[in-house]
Amino acid sequence: MRDITHSIEKAINQDVLWRQGFFNIIKKLEGNGYIISFWENEENWASILLGDEIIGYMWEKYPLVFIKSQYSDSIKSLLSEGQPIVFIDADEMTEKAFIINYEALKDYIDYGLPDDGFSAEDFWFVTNT
């Protein structure tokens, strides 16, 4: 299991105007062949798809992106200019590979993730409201 507490704290503590960056990144990804699933005012995350496969999740609230490892280099190079984004690589979006320290993140993340590990998809689901 990989503890991603520090990565999440880093994303939360970025001093950037992220909301505008979020929408600019969506446009950039769409302009490069990725499909973005995001409903403004209904979701807190954008799903990044290639074809019909979800390859990543991008948090609207903070500059944090979970990305499937095999696409990591191409997404990171595409999004490397302008915004200081924190990337968390995952072999699969459904692989239970992560843990967090709830005490450190209690002001930002509600309980709901299993203590014995969760996936990027689980994190997306718990923080999607």
C-alpha atoms as a PDB file:
ATOM      1  CA  MET A   1       0.000   0.000   0.000  1.00  0.00           C
ATOM      2  CA  ARG A   2       1.198   3.481  -0.803  1.00  0.00           C
ATOM      3  CA  ASP A   3       0.429   6.309   1.616  1.00  0.00           C
ATOM      4  CA  ILE A   4      -0.742   9.273  -0.491  1.00  0.00           C
ATOM      5  CA  THR A   5      -1.418  11.651   2.407  1.00  0.00           C
ATOM      6  CA  HIS A   6       1.533  13.889   1.501  1.00  0.00           C
ATOM      7  CA  SER A   7       0.456  14.091  -2.161  1.00  0.00           C
ATOM      8  CA  ILE A   8      -3.068  15.096  -1.204  1.00  0.00           C
ATOM      9  CA  GLU A   9      -1.768  17.676   1.282  1.00  0.00           C
ATOM     10  CA  LYS A  10       0.514  19.071  -1.415  1.00  0.00           C
ATOM     11  CA  ALA A  11      -2.431  19.450  -3.821  1.00  0.00           C
ATOM     12  CA  ILE A  12      -4.607  21.048  -1.126  1.00  0.00           C
ATOM     13  CA  ASN A  13      -1.878  23.518  -0.180  1.00  0.00           C
ATOM     14  CA  GLN A  14      -1.085  24.688  -3.727  1.00  0.00           C
ATOM     15  CA  ASP A  15      -1.484  28.442  -3.925  1.00  0.00           C
ATOM     16  CA  VAL A  16      -3.109  28.598  -7.353  1.00  0.00           C
ATOM     17  CA  LEU A  17      -6.381  29.698  -8.917  1.00  0.00           C
ATOM     18  CA  TRP A  18      -7.257  26.112  -9.682  1.00  0.00           C
ATOM     19  CA  ARG A  19     -10.860  26.412 -10.931  1.00  0.00           C
ATOM     20  CA  GLN A  20      -9.811  28.260 -14.104  1.00  0.00           C
ATOM     21  CA  GLY A  21      -6.882  25.892 -14.557  1.00  0.00           C
ATOM     22  CA  PHE A  22      -9.217  22.917 -14.200  1.00  0.00           C
ATOM     23  CA  PHE A  23     -11.378  24.043 -17.109  1.00  0.00           C
ATOM     24  CA  ASN A  24      -8.338  24.974 -19.224  1.00  0.00           C
ATOM     25  CA  ILE A  25      -6.935  21.494 -18.655  1.00  0.00           C
ATOM     26  CA  ILE A  26     -10.229  19.899 -19.657  1.00  0.00           C
ATOM     27  CA  LYS A  27     -10.053  21.829 -22.956  1.00  0.00           C
ATOM     28  CA  LYS A  28      -6.425  20.853 -23.464  1.00  0.00           C
ATOM     29  CA  LEU A  29      -7.145  17.161 -22.863  1.00  0.00           C
ATOM     30  CA  GLU A  30     -10.168  17.219 -25.168  1.00  0.00           C
ATOM     31  CA  GLY A  31      -8.077  18.947 -27.839  1.00  0.00           C
ATOM     32  CA  ASN A  32      -5.605  16.072 -27.653  1.00  0.00           C
ATOM     33  CA  GLY A  33      -8.042  13.206 -28.143  1.00  0.00           C
ATOM     34  CA  TYR A  34      -9.098  12.465 -24.582  1.00  0.00           C
ATOM     35  CA  ILE A  35     -12.737  12.317 -23.593  1.00  0.00           C
ATOM     36  CA  ILE A  36     -13.661  14.174 -20.416  1.00  0.00           C
ATOM     37  CA  SER A  37     -16.731  13.293 -18.404  1.00  0.00           C
ATOM     38  CA  PHE A  38     -17.682  16.175 -16.116  1.00  0.00           C
ATOM     39  CA  TRP A  39     -21.003  17.699 -15.174  1.00  0.00           C
ATOM     40  CA  GLU A  40     -20.531  21.167 -13.708  1.00  0.00           C
ATOM     41  CA  ASN A  41     -22.406  21.706 -10.436  1.00  0.00           C
ATOM     42  CA  GLU A  42     -23.114  17.980 -10.208  1.00  0.00           C
ATOM     43  CA  GLU A  43     -19.697  16.389  -9.806  1.00  0.00           C
ATOM     44  CA  ASN A  44     -16.471  17.210  -8.037  1.00  0.00           C
ATOM     45  CA  TRP A  45     -14.233  15.228 -10.398  1.00  0.00           C
ATOM     46  CA  ALA A  46     -13.663  14.908 -14.114  1.00  0.00           C
ATOM     47  CA  SER A  47     -13.087  11.436 -15.486  1.00  0.00           C
ATOM     48  CA  ILE A  48     -10.415  11.189 -18.172  1.00  0.00           C
ATOM     49  CA  LEU A  49     -11.189   8.579 -20.796  1.00  0.00           C
ATOM     50  CA  LEU A  50      -9.348   7.182 -23.760  1.00  0.00           C
ATOM     51  CA  GLY A  51     -11.935   5.466 -25.899  1.00  0.00           C
ATOM     52  CA  ASP A  52     -14.306   3.885 -23.387  1.00  0.00           C
ATOM     53  CA  GLU A  53     -11.644   3.271 -20.713  1.00  0.00           C
ATOM     54  CA  ILE A  54     -11.299   5.527 -17.666  1.00  0.00           C
ATOM     55  CA  ILE A  55      -7.599   6.291 -17.417  1.00  0.00           C
ATOM     56  CA  GLY A  56      -7.733   9.001 -14.780  1.00  0.00           C
ATOM     57  CA  TYR A  57      -9.626  11.265 -12.438  1.00  0.00           C
ATOM     58  CA  MET A  58      -9.018  15.006 -12.001  1.00  0.00           C
ATOM     59  CA  TRP A  59     -10.297  16.737  -8.857  1.00  0.00           C
ATOM     60  CA  GLU A  60     -12.111  20.023  -9.467  1.00  0.00           C
ATOM     61  CA  LYS A  61     -11.512  21.177  -5.914  1.00  0.00           C
ATOM     62  CA  TYR A  62      -7.715  20.786  -5.850  1.00  0.00           C
ATOM     63  CA  PRO A  63      -4.971  20.281  -8.487  1.00  0.00           C
ATOM     64  CA  LEU A  64      -4.807  16.503  -8.060  1.00  0.00           C
ATOM     65  CA  VAL A  65      -4.912  13.921 -10.832  1.00  0.00           C
ATOM     66  CA  PHE A  66      -5.007  10.160 -10.462  1.00  0.00           C
ATOM     67  CA  ILE A  67      -3.688   8.675 -13.697  1.00  0.00           C
ATOM     68  CA  LYS A  68      -3.248   5.148 -14.954  1.00  0.00           C
ATOM     69  CA  SER A  69       0.507   4.472 -15.000  1.00  0.00           C
ATOM     70  CA  GLN A  70       0.725   3.479 -18.650  1.00  0.00           C
ATOM     71  CA  TYR A  71      -0.626   6.920 -19.657  1.00  0.00           C
ATOM     72  CA  SER A  72       1.209   8.866 -16.989  1.00  0.00           C
ATOM     73  CA  ASP A  73       4.111  10.175 -19.086  1.00  0.00           C
ATOM     74  CA  SER A  74       1.916  11.412 -21.935  1.00  0.00           C
ATOM     75  CA  ILE A  75      -0.606  13.106 -19.612  1.00  0.00           C
ATOM     76  CA  LYS A  76       2.126  14.651 -17.443  1.00  0.00           C
ATOM     77  CA  SER A  77       3.967  16.073 -20.447  1.00  0.00           C
ATOM     78  CA  LEU A  78       0.713  17.419 -21.895  1.00  0.00           C
ATOM     79  CA  LEU A  79      -0.283  19.107 -18.627  1.00  0.00           C
ATOM     80  CA  SER A  80       3.161  20.109 -17.386  1.00  0.00           C
ATOM     81  CA  GLU A  81       2.971  23.765 -18.435  1.00  0.00           C
ATOM     82  CA  GLY A  82       1.220  26.362 -16.378  1.00  0.00           C
ATOM     83  CA  GLN A  83      -0.461  24.588 -13.476  1.00  0.00           C
ATOM     84  CA  PRO A  84       1.356  22.859 -10.587  1.00  0.00           C
ATOM     85  CA  ILE A  85      -0.610  19.611 -10.626  1.00  0.00           C
ATOM     86  CA  VAL A  86       0.027  16.752  -8.216  1.00  0.00           C
ATOM     87  CA  PHE A  87      -0.130  13.415 -10.026  1.00  0.00           C
ATOM     88  CA  ILE A  88      -0.736  10.061  -8.386  1.00  0.00           C
ATOM     89  CA  ASP A  89      -0.018   7.085 -10.616  1.00  0.00           C
ATOM     90  CA  ALA A  90      -2.034   3.888 -10.334  1.00  0.00           C
ATOM     91  CA  ASP A  91      -1.588   0.636 -12.225  1.00  0.00           C
ATOM     92  CA  GLU A  92      -5.372   0.404 -12.447  1.00  0.00           C
ATOM     93  CA  MET A  93      -8.073   2.820 -11.333  1.00  0.00           C
ATOM     94  CA  THR A  94      -9.733  -0.017  -9.392  1.00  0.00           C
ATOM     95  CA  GLU A  95      -6.592  -1.433  -7.730  1.00  0.00           C
ATOM     96  CA  LYS A  96      -6.631  -1.087  -3.939  1.00  0.00           C
ATOM     97  CA  ALA A  97      -3.147   0.401  -3.691  1.00  0.00           C
ATOM     98  CA  PHE A  98      -3.500   3.490  -1.460  1.00  0.00           C
ATOM     99  CA  ILE A  99      -3.934   4.505   2.157  1.00  0.00           C
ATOM    100  CA  ILE A 100      -4.206   7.927   3.834  1.00  0.00           C
ATOM    101  CA  ASN A 101      -3.834   9.381   7.300  1.00  0.00           C
ATOM    102  CA  TYR A 102      -7.373  10.565   8.043  1.00  0.00           C
ATOM    103  CA  GLU A 103      -6.208  12.619  11.015  1.00  0.00           C
ATOM    104  CA  ALA A 104      -4.001  14.759   8.765  1.00  0.00           C
ATOM    105  CA  LEU A 105      -6.776  15.211   6.187  1.00  0.00           C
ATOM    106  CA  LYS A 106      -9.858  15.355   8.434  1.00  0.00           C
ATOM    107  CA  ASP A 107     -10.728  18.911   7.361  1.00  0.00           C
ATOM    108  CA  TYR A 108     -10.790  17.900   3.694  1.00  0.00           C
ATOM    109  CA  ILE A 109     -11.861  14.276   3.387  1.00  0.00           C
ATOM    110  CA  ASP A 110     -14.742  12.562   5.130  1.00  0.00           C
ATOM    111  CA  TYR A 111     -14.347   9.050   6.440  1.00  0.00           C
ATOM    112  CA  GLY A 112     -15.489   6.339   4.098  1.00  0.00           C
ATOM    113  CA  LEU A 113     -12.331   4.837   2.659  1.00  0.00           C
ATOM    114  CA  PRO A 114     -11.256   1.418   3.943  1.00  0.00           C
ATOM    115  CA  ASP A 115      -8.247   1.496   6.278  1.00  0.00           C
ATOM    116  CA  ASP A 116      -6.768  -1.552   4.591  1.00  0.00           C
ATOM    117  CA  GLY A 117      -6.464   0.139   1.200  1.00  0.00           C
ATOM    118  CA  PHE A 118      -8.514   1.847  -1.463  1.00  0.00           C
ATOM    119  CA  SER A 119      -8.356   2.546  -5.174  1.00  0.00           C
ATOM    120  CA  ALA A 120      -8.372   5.776  -7.162  1.00  0.00           C
ATOM    121  CA  GLU A 121     -11.968   4.927  -8.035  1.00  0.00           C
ATOM    122  CA  ASP A 122     -12.835   4.556  -4.323  1.00  0.00           C
ATOM    123  CA  PHE A 123     -11.247   7.953  -3.576  1.00  0.00           C
ATOM    124  CA  TRP A 124     -13.216   9.495  -6.457  1.00  0.00           C
ATOM    125  CA  PHE A 125     -16.442   7.985  -5.157  1.00  0.00           C
ATOM    126  CA  VAL A 126     -15.981   9.098  -1.527  1.00  0.00           C
ATOM    127  CA  THR A 127     -14.992  12.680  -2.434  1.00  0.00           C
ATOM    128  CA  ASN A 128     -17.358  13.190  -5.369  1.00  0.00           C
ATOM    129  CA  THR A 129     -19.914  15.295  -3.545  1.00  0.00           C
END
